[in-house]
Amino acid sequence: MPEAGQVAAPARELRDRLKRLAIPSDCIVAFPVRKNDAAIDRTAADWFPDPLASALVGRPRPTGLRVGIFGTGAGAMKVWEALADIDTGDAVWFADNNAAQQGKTFLWLDVIAPSAIAANRYDVIVIGSMSLDPIRRQLLNLGVRGRQILTPNVSATVPAIREELALALGALEEVLK
């Protein structure tokens, strides 16, 4: 490993080659040589910021009902999109039975295991999957009250889902006042 301030031979060769190609040095991003994912992630984030991150930072805090979405497939994406235009509900997390999805971020929200639902805040859970009945039973077995479970027709269009959810969330908001 090179000493601090030294450049490894392959990196030096690459820089020399880029110089011969007239690539300006300020167009070259040097990533850490160490096998440290956190350092590489920080370098990448500094050089290539997420264009949506600043928009999300400036986004107002959720003011509607906290909505958990069960699923991470196409139906859940349609539910998330429909919720984006509804003032009475804000998506706060996704839940999924697929362990490979759990612990990740999906559409800027955490994906949790169904067993973690009780530990996460929500007012209502929308099932964003075609497997409505099994998931509804699962949620009831996890202690979610039936009135807190919404089951829109996720095979419908996003505007139709939006209309269905807007009515349901509006009615639920009145009940919870």
Foldseek 3Di string as FASTA:
>chain_A
DDDPPDDDPVVVVVVVVCVVVVNDPVVDQDQDPDPDVVSRVVSCCVVPPDPCPVVVVPDDDQDAFEEEEEDQDQLSVLLQVLQVPANRYDYAAYEYCPPVQAQDAHPNHHYHHLLCPVVDDGQAYEYSDPPPPVVLVVNVVSVDDPLRYHYDDSVDGSVVSSVVVNVSSVVSVVVVD
